[in-house]
Structures are given as C-alpha cells and as structure tokens.
Amino acid sequence: MSFQAYLDTIHKKTGLTPADLRGLAEEQGWTEGGVLTPSTKSGTIVAWFKEHHDLGHGHSMAVFALLKGAKKEGDA
C-alpha cells in the first residue's frame, strides 16, 4: 500500500485531510509551528487515533510519519 493510499483511507474513515491532521497535531500539542515536538512519541499518536478515530496501528503510524516529515502527500 502506498503512503498516499494510507492518507486516502484515513480521510475516508475520519474525514481528516493531511492539513486537518497537521492542525489537530498543533491543537493536541504534538507539534509546534508544524514541527513534531521532541517529547511526542509515536505511541502517543497511535493510542490517540485508535481511541478517537478507530484507526489501526499502520494508519496511525502513517499520521506519525506525516507529522514527523518522513513522508508527505503523494509519496508512494
């Protein structure tokens, strides 16, 4: 599955776009100025998305990768 496919599925399931995910991360205090804070761990994001949006581990990790900057929209 491509990274973009993960983002597409996340959007279908939650209604959240990558921009929405970045905004949510700021609201949750996971990022500051669009940069992941050093104290934010992947487990925090995974647990939150599992609880609040019923996402699985892989899709939640895709959100983390997006926020970390390791992946971006359109990546294979």
PDB file of N, CA and C in Angstrom:
ATOM      1  N   MET A   1       0.842  -1.174   0.000  1.00  0.00           N
ATOM      2  CA  MET A   1       0.000   0.000   0.000  1.00  0.00           C
ATOM      3  C   MET A   1       0.886   1.236   0.000  1.00  0.00           C
ATOM      4  N   SER A   2       0.596   2.189  -0.862  1.00  0.00           N
ATOM      5  CA  SER A   2       1.386   3.417  -0.908  1.00  0.00           C
ATOM      6  C   SER A   2       1.012   4.320   0.263  1.00  0.00           C
ATOM      7  N   PHE A   3       1.897   5.249   0.558  1.00  0.00           N
ATOM      8  CA  PHE A   3       1.623   6.189   1.639  1.00  0.00           C
ATOM      9  C   PHE A   3       0.372   7.001   1.326  1.00  0.00           C
ATOM     10  N   GLN A   4       0.220   7.408   0.067  1.00  0.00           N
ATOM     11  CA  GLN A   4      -0.961   8.171  -0.309  1.00  0.00           C
ATOM     12  C   GLN A   4      -2.234   7.348  -0.081  1.00  0.00           C
ATOM     13  N   ALA A   5      -2.164   6.049  -0.315  1.00  0.00           N
ATOM     14  CA  ALA A   5      -3.322   5.188  -0.070  1.00  0.00           C
ATOM     15  C   ALA A   5      -3.690   5.191   1.417  1.00  0.00           C
ATOM     16  N   TYR A   6      -2.690   5.202   2.288  1.00  0.00           N
ATOM     17  CA  TYR A   6      -2.961   5.324   3.723  1.00  0.00           C
ATOM     18  C   TYR A   6      -3.699   6.631   4.009  1.00  0.00           C
ATOM     19  N   LEU A   7      -3.201   7.730   3.446  1.00  0.00           N
ATOM     20  CA  LEU A   7      -3.844   9.032   3.680  1.00  0.00           C
ATOM     21  C   LEU A   7      -5.265   9.051   3.135  1.00  0.00           C
ATOM     22  N   ASP A   8      -5.472   8.448   1.984  1.00  0.00           N
ATOM     23  CA  ASP A   8      -6.817   8.382   1.396  1.00  0.00           C
ATOM     24  C   ASP A   8      -7.767   7.605   2.301  1.00  0.00           C
ATOM     25  N   THR A   9      -7.301   6.496   2.841  1.00  0.00           N
ATOM     26  CA  THR A   9      -8.140   5.689   3.737  1.00  0.00           C
ATOM     27  C   THR A   9      -8.435   6.439   5.029  1.00  0.00           C
ATOM     28  N   ILE A  10      -7.436   7.118   5.559  1.00  0.00           N
ATOM     29  CA  ILE A  10      -7.636   7.928   6.767  1.00  0.00           C
ATOM     30  C   ILE A  10      -8.700   8.987   6.502  1.00  0.00           C
ATOM     31  N   HIS A  11      -8.634   9.628   5.357  1.00  0.00           N
ATOM     32  CA  HIS A  11      -9.616  10.649   5.002  1.00  0.00           C
ATOM     33  C   HIS A  11     -11.013  10.050   4.897  1.00  0.00           C
ATOM     34  N   LYS A  12     -11.127   8.906   4.248  1.00  0.00           N
ATOM     35  CA  LYS A  12     -12.435   8.258   4.113  1.00  0.00           C
ATOM     36  C   LYS A  12     -13.015   7.873   5.466  1.00  0.00           C
ATOM     37  N   LYS A  13     -12.164   7.404   6.359  1.00  0.00           N
ATOM     38  CA  LYS A  13     -12.633   6.917   7.658  1.00  0.00           C
ATOM     39  C   LYS A  13     -12.907   8.048   8.650  1.00  0.00           C
ATOM     40  N   THR A  14     -12.091   9.103   8.609  1.00  0.00           N
ATOM     41  CA  THR A  14     -12.184  10.154   9.621  1.00  0.00           C
ATOM     42  C   THR A  14     -12.684  11.491   9.092  1.00  0.00           C
ATOM     43  N   GLY A  15     -12.577  11.678   7.770  1.00  0.00           N
ATOM     44  CA  GLY A  15     -12.898  12.972   7.184  1.00  0.00           C
ATOM     45  C   GLY A  15     -11.770  13.980   7.298  1.00  0.00           C
ATOM     46  N   LEU A  16     -10.624  13.545   7.836  1.00  0.00           N
ATOM     47  CA  LEU A  16      -9.491  14.445   8.054  1.00  0.00           C
ATOM     48  C   LEU A  16      -8.508  14.395   6.891  1.00  0.00           C
ATOM     49  N   THR A  17      -8.172  15.565   6.370  1.00  0.00           N
ATOM     50  CA  THR A  17      -7.165  15.692   5.326  1.00  0.00           C
ATOM     51  C   THR A  17      -5.790  15.822   5.989  1.00  0.00           C
ATOM     52  N   PRO A  18      -4.711  15.722   5.218  1.00  0.00           N
ATOM     53  CA  PRO A  18      -3.390  15.954   5.824  1.00  0.00           C
ATOM     54  C   PRO A  18      -3.295  17.321   6.514  1.00  0.00           C
ATOM     55  N   ALA A  19      -3.877  18.347   5.921  1.00  0.00           N
ATOM     56  CA  ALA A  19      -3.866  19.672   6.568  1.00  0.00           C
ATOM     57  C   ALA A  19      -4.622  19.630   7.890  1.00  0.00           C
ATOM     58  N   ASP A  20      -5.757  18.912   7.909  1.00  0.00           N
ATOM     59  CA  ASP A  20      -6.518  18.761   9.147  1.00  0.00           C
ATOM     60  C   ASP A  20      -5.700  18.020  10.201  1.00  0.00           C
ATOM     61  N   LEU A  21      -4.982  16.986   9.776  1.00  0.00           N
ATOM     62  CA  LEU A  21      -4.152  16.215  10.706  1.00  0.00           C
ATOM     63  C   LEU A  21      -3.062  17.083  11.311  1.00  0.00           C
ATOM     64  N   ARG A  22      -2.476  17.939  10.489  1.00  0.00           N
ATOM     65  CA  ARG A  22      -1.436  18.857  10.998  1.00  0.00           C
ATOM     66  C   ARG A  22      -2.037  19.853  11.996  1.00  0.00           C
ATOM     67  N   GLY A  23      -3.222  20.359  11.686  1.00  0.00           N
ATOM     68  CA  GLY A  23      -3.900  21.281  12.604  1.00  0.00           C
ATOM     69  C   GLY A  23      -4.263  20.605  13.914  1.00  0.00           C
ATOM     70  N   LEU A  24      -4.743  19.383  13.827  1.00  0.00           N
ATOM     71  CA  LEU A  24      -5.078  18.609  15.012  1.00  0.00           C
ATOM     72  C   LEU A  24      -3.844  18.366  15.868  1.00  0.00           C
ATOM     73  N   ALA A  25      -2.727  18.091  15.221  1.00  0.00           N
ATOM     74  CA  ALA A  25      -1.471  17.877  15.945  1.00  0.00           C
ATOM     75  C   ALA A  25      -1.066  19.118  16.729  1.00  0.00           C
ATOM     76  N   GLU A  26      -1.264  20.282  16.126  1.00  0.00           N
ATOM     77  CA  GLU A  26      -0.963  21.534  16.838  1.00  0.00           C
ATOM     78  C   GLU A  26      -1.889  21.687  18.041  1.00  0.00           C
ATOM     79  N   GLU A  27      -3.188  21.416  17.844  1.00  0.00           N
ATOM     80  CA  GLU A  27      -4.171  21.524  18.929  1.00  0.00           C
ATOM     81  C   GLU A  27      -3.837  20.583  20.083  1.00  0.00           C
ATOM     82  N   GLN A  28      -3.371  19.380  19.753  1.00  0.00           N
ATOM     83  CA  GLN A  28      -3.045  18.380  20.767  1.00  0.00           C
ATOM     84  C   GLN A  28      -1.691  18.648  21.432  1.00  0.00           C
ATOM     85  N   GLY A  29      -0.917  19.583  20.871  1.00  0.00           N
ATOM     86  CA  GLY A  29       0.397  19.894  21.422  1.00  0.00           C
ATOM     87  C   GLY A  29       1.491  18.941  20.963  1.00  0.00           C
ATOM     88  N   TRP A  30       1.193  18.159  19.917  1.00  0.00           N
ATOM     89  CA  TRP A  30       2.191  17.219  19.391  1.00  0.00           C
ATOM     90  C   TRP A  30       3.216  17.930  18.521  1.00  0.00           C
ATOM     91  N   THR A  31       2.812  19.065  17.930  1.00  0.00           N
ATOM     92  CA  THR A  31       3.718  19.858  17.089  1.00  0.00           C
ATOM     93  C   THR A  31       3.684  21.301  17.554  1.00  0.00           C
ATOM     94  N   GLU A  32       4.752  22.006  17.227  1.00  0.00           N
ATOM     95  CA  GLU A  32       4.837  23.446  17.458  1.00  0.00           C
ATOM     96  C   GLU A  32       5.367  24.063  16.182  1.00  0.00           C
ATOM     97  N   GLY A  33       4.579  24.940  15.576  1.00  0.00           N
ATOM     98  CA  GLY A  33       4.976  25.542  14.309  1.00  0.00           C
ATOM     99  C   GLY A  33       5.133  24.513  13.208  1.00  0.00           C
ATOM    100  N   GLY A  34       4.357  23.433  13.289  1.00  0.00           N
ATOM    101  CA  GLY A  34       4.401  22.400  12.270  1.00  0.00           C
ATOM    102  C   GLY A  34       5.512  21.380  12.442  1.00  0.00           C
ATOM    103  N   VAL A  35       6.271  21.492  13.529  1.00  0.00           N
ATOM    104  CA  VAL A  35       7.379  20.576  13.792  1.00  0.00           C
ATOM    105  C   VAL A  35       7.026  19.705  14.989  1.00  0.00           C
ATOM    106  N   LEU A  36       7.198  18.402  14.830  1.00  0.00           N
ATOM    107  CA  LEU A  36       6.922  17.451  15.905  1.00  0.00           C
ATOM    108  C   LEU A  36       7.796  17.785  17.114  1.00  0.00           C
ATOM    109  N   THR A  37       7.184  17.857  18.283  1.00  0.00           N
ATOM    110  CA  THR A  37       7.965  18.153  19.484  1.00  0.00           C
ATOM    111  C   THR A  37       8.787  16.932  19.881  1.00  0.00           C
ATOM    112  N   PRO A  38       9.944  17.147  20.477  1.00  0.00           N
ATOM    113  CA  PRO A  38      10.798  16.026  20.873  1.00  0.00           C
ATOM    114  C   PRO A  38      10.113  15.078  21.867  1.00  0.00           C
ATOM    115  N   SER A  39       9.197  15.596  22.657  1.00  0.00           N
ATOM    116  CA  SER A  39       8.535  14.767  23.667  1.00  0.00           C
ATOM    117  C   SER A  39       7.390  13.927  23.099  1.00  0.00           C
ATOM    118  N   THR A  40       6.982  14.198  21.862  1.00  0.00           N
ATOM    119  CA  THR A  40       5.883  13.446  21.264  1.00  0.00           C
ATOM    120  C   THR A  40       6.409  12.150  20.670  1.00  0.00           C
ATOM    121  N   LYS A  41       5.904  11.067  21.191  1.00  0.00           N
ATOM    122  CA  LYS A  41       6.317   9.736  20.742  1.00  0.00           C
ATOM    123  C   LYS A  41       5.229   9.144  19.851  1.00  0.00           C
ATOM    124  N   SER A  42       5.621   8.237  19.005  1.00  0.00           N
ATOM    125  CA  SER A  42       4.669   7.607  18.095  1.00  0.00           C
ATOM    126  C   SER A  42       3.530   6.934  18.857  1.00  0.00           C
ATOM    127  N   GLY A  43       3.841   6.319  19.990  1.00  0.00           N
ATOM    128  CA  GLY A  43       2.823   5.626  20.776  1.00  0.00           C
ATOM    129  C   GLY A  43       1.702   6.529  21.237  1.00  0.00           C
ATOM    130  N   THR A  44       2.021   7.776  21.518  1.00  0.00           N
ATOM    131  CA  THR A  44       1.011   8.750  21.927  1.00  0.00           C
ATOM    132  C   THR A  44       0.013   8.980  20.798  1.00  0.00           C
ATOM    133  N   ILE A  45       0.534   9.179  19.603  1.00  0.00           N
ATOM    134  CA  ILE A  45      -0.317   9.439  18.437  1.00  0.00           C
ATOM    135  C   ILE A  45      -1.109   8.189  18.067  1.00  0.00           C
ATOM    136  N   VAL A  46      -0.455   7.040  18.088  1.00  0.00           N
ATOM    137  CA  VAL A  46      -1.131   5.781  17.754  1.00  0.00           C
ATOM    138  C   VAL A  46      -2.287   5.538  18.719  1.00  0.00           C
ATOM    139  N   ALA A  47      -2.044   5.665  20.009  1.00  0.00           N
ATOM    140  CA  ALA A  47      -3.090   5.422  21.004  1.00  0.00           C
ATOM    141  C   ALA A  47      -4.252   6.396  20.832  1.00  0.00           C
ATOM    142  N   TRP A  48      -3.944   7.660  20.572  1.00  0.00           N
ATOM    143  CA  TRP A  48      -4.995   8.662  20.431  1.00  0.00           C
ATOM    144  C   TRP A  48      -5.873   8.371  19.220  1.00  0.00           C
ATOM    145  N   PHE A  49      -5.256   8.052  18.078  1.00  0.00           N
ATOM    146  CA  PHE A  49      -6.047   7.783  16.878  1.00  0.00           C
ATOM    147  C   PHE A  49      -6.815   6.468  16.983  1.00  0.00           C
ATOM    148  N   LYS A  50      -6.282   5.500  17.701  1.00  0.00           N
ATOM    149  CA  LYS A  50      -7.028   4.261  17.929  1.00  0.00           C
ATOM    150  C   LYS A  50      -8.270   4.553  18.768  1.00  0.00           C
ATOM    151  N   GLU A  51      -8.105   5.344  19.803  1.00  0.00           N
ATOM    152  CA  GLU A  51      -9.214   5.649  20.712  1.00  0.00           C
ATOM    153  C   GLU A  51     -10.248   6.584  20.093  1.00  0.00           C
ATOM    154  N   HIS A  52      -9.801   7.643  19.456  1.00  0.00           N
ATOM    155  CA  HIS A  52     -10.717   8.684  18.991  1.00  0.00           C
ATOM    156  C   HIS A  52     -11.241   8.492  17.572  1.00  0.00           C
ATOM    157  N   HIS A  53     -10.518   7.748  16.745  1.00  0.00           N
ATOM    158  CA  HIS A  53     -10.938   7.595  15.348  1.00  0.00           C
ATOM    159  C   HIS A  53     -10.941   6.142  14.878  1.00  0.00           C
ATOM    160  N   ASP A  54     -10.704   5.214  15.789  1.00  0.00           N
ATOM    161  CA  ASP A  54     -10.739   3.789  15.480  1.00  0.00           C
ATOM    162  C   ASP A  54      -9.801   3.410  14.335  1.00  0.00           C
ATOM    163  N   LEU A  55      -8.650   4.090  14.260  1.00  0.00           N
ATOM    164  CA  LEU A  55      -7.649   3.736  13.251  1.00  0.00           C
ATOM    165  C   LEU A  55      -6.768   2.622  13.789  1.00  0.00           C
ATOM    166  N   GLY A  56      -6.298   1.785  12.908  1.00  0.00           N
ATOM    167  CA  GLY A  56      -5.371   0.730  13.282  1.00  0.00           C
ATOM    168  C   GLY A  56      -3.959   1.270  13.451  1.00  0.00           C
ATOM    169  N   HIS A  57      -3.073   0.377  13.831  1.00  0.00           N
ATOM    170  CA  HIS A  57      -1.687   0.764  14.089  1.00  0.00           C
ATOM    171  C   HIS A  57      -1.007   1.352  12.845  1.00  0.00           C
ATOM    172  N   GLY A  58      -1.157   0.688  11.701  1.00  0.00           N
ATOM    173  CA  GLY A  58      -0.488   1.146  10.476  1.00  0.00           C
ATOM    174  C   GLY A  58      -0.949   2.514  10.029  1.00  0.00           C
ATOM    175  N   HIS A  59      -2.250   2.755  10.079  1.00  0.00           N
ATOM    176  CA  HIS A  59      -2.768   4.052   9.661  1.00  0.00           C
ATOM    177  C   HIS A  59      -2.376   5.143  10.658  1.00  0.00           C
ATOM    178  N   SER A  60      -2.368   4.797  11.935  1.00  0.00           N
ATOM    179  CA  SER A  60      -1.930   5.764  12.939  1.00  0.00           C
ATOM    180  C   SER A  60      -0.448   6.098  12.776  1.00  0.00           C
ATOM    181  N   MET A  61       0.354   5.092  12.425  1.00  0.00           N
ATOM    182  CA  MET A  61       1.777   5.344  12.175  1.00  0.00           C
ATOM    183  C   MET A  61       1.972   6.197  10.926  1.00  0.00           C
ATOM    184  N   ALA A  62       1.071   6.090   9.977  1.00  0.00           N
ATOM    185  CA  ALA A  62       1.136   6.950   8.792  1.00  0.00           C
ATOM    186  C   ALA A  62       0.938   8.412   9.197  1.00  0.00           C
ATOM    187  N   VAL A  63       0.033   8.647  10.141  1.00  0.00           N
ATOM    188  CA  VAL A  63      -0.155  10.011  10.652  1.00  0.00           C
ATOM    189  C   VAL A  63       1.140  10.485  11.295  1.00  0.00           C
ATOM    190  N   PHE A  64       1.755   9.641  12.099  1.00  0.00           N
ATOM    191  CA  PHE A  64       3.024   9.997  12.741  1.00  0.00           C
ATOM    192  C   PHE A  64       4.092  10.323  11.693  1.00  0.00           C
ATOM    193  N   ALA A  65       4.193   9.498  10.660  1.00  0.00           N
ATOM    194  CA  ALA A  65       5.182   9.734   9.597  1.00  0.00           C
ATOM    195  C   ALA A  65       4.930  11.068   8.904  1.00  0.00           C
ATOM    196  N   LEU A  66       3.662  11.393   8.696  1.00  0.00           N
ATOM    197  CA  LEU A  66       3.309  12.674   8.089  1.00  0.00           C
ATOM    198  C   LEU A  66       3.753  13.832   8.984  1.00  0.00           C
ATOM    199  N   LEU A  67       3.438  13.729  10.268  1.00  0.00           N
ATOM    200  CA  LEU A  67       3.776  14.798  11.207  1.00  0.00           C
ATOM    201  C   LEU A  67       5.277  14.921  11.412  1.00  0.00           C
ATOM    202  N   LYS A  68       5.963  13.803  11.361  1.00  0.00           N
ATOM    203  CA  LYS A  68       7.423  13.798  11.529  1.00  0.00           C
ATOM    204  C   LYS A  68       8.127  14.362  10.304  1.00  0.00           C
ATOM    205  N   GLY A  69       7.447  14.323   9.161  1.00  0.00           N
ATOM    206  CA  GLY A  69       8.049  14.808   7.926  1.00  0.00           C
ATOM    207  C   GLY A  69       8.774  13.710   7.175  1.00  0.00           C
ATOM    208  N   ALA A  70       8.638  12.477   7.652  1.00  0.00           N
ATOM    209  CA  ALA A  70       9.291  11.351   6.979  1.00  0.00           C
ATOM    210  C   ALA A  70       8.595  11.014   5.663  1.00  0.00           C
ATOM    211  N   LYS A  71       7.314  11.320   5.571  1.00  0.00           N
ATOM    212  CA  LYS A  71       6.524  11.094   4.377  1.00  0.00           C
ATOM    213  C   LYS A  71       5.662  12.318   4.126  1.00  0.00           C
ATOM    214  N   LYS A  72       5.220  12.461   2.862  1.00  0.00           N
ATOM    215  CA  LYS A  72       4.340  13.575   2.525  1.00  0.00           C
ATOM    216  C   LYS A  72       3.279  13.100   1.535  1.00  0.00           C
ATOM    217  N   GLU A  73       2.272  13.941   1.349  1.00  0.00           N
ATOM    218  CA  GLU A  73       1.217  13.611   0.414  1.00  0.00           C
ATOM    219  C   GLU A  73       1.818  13.249  -0.939  1.00  0.00           C
ATOM    220  N   GLY A  74       1.245  12.224  -1.557  1.00  0.00           N
ATOM    221  CA  GLY A  74       1.693  11.806  -2.872  1.00  0.00           C
ATOM    222  C   GLY A  74       2.819  10.792  -2.870  1.00  0.00           C
ATOM    223  N   ASP A  75       3.414  10.531  -1.707  1.00  0.00           N
ATOM    224  CA  ASP A  75       4.507   9.538  -1.652  1.00  0.00           C
ATOM    225  C   ASP A  75       3.975   8.146  -1.948  1.00  0.00           C
ATOM    226  N   ALA A  76       4.808   7.390  -2.601  1.00  0.00           N
ATOM    227  CA  ALA A  76       4.437   6.004  -2.919  1.00  0.00           C
ATOM    228  C   ALA A  76       4.631   5.113  -1.718  1.00  0.00           C
TER     229      ALA A  76
END
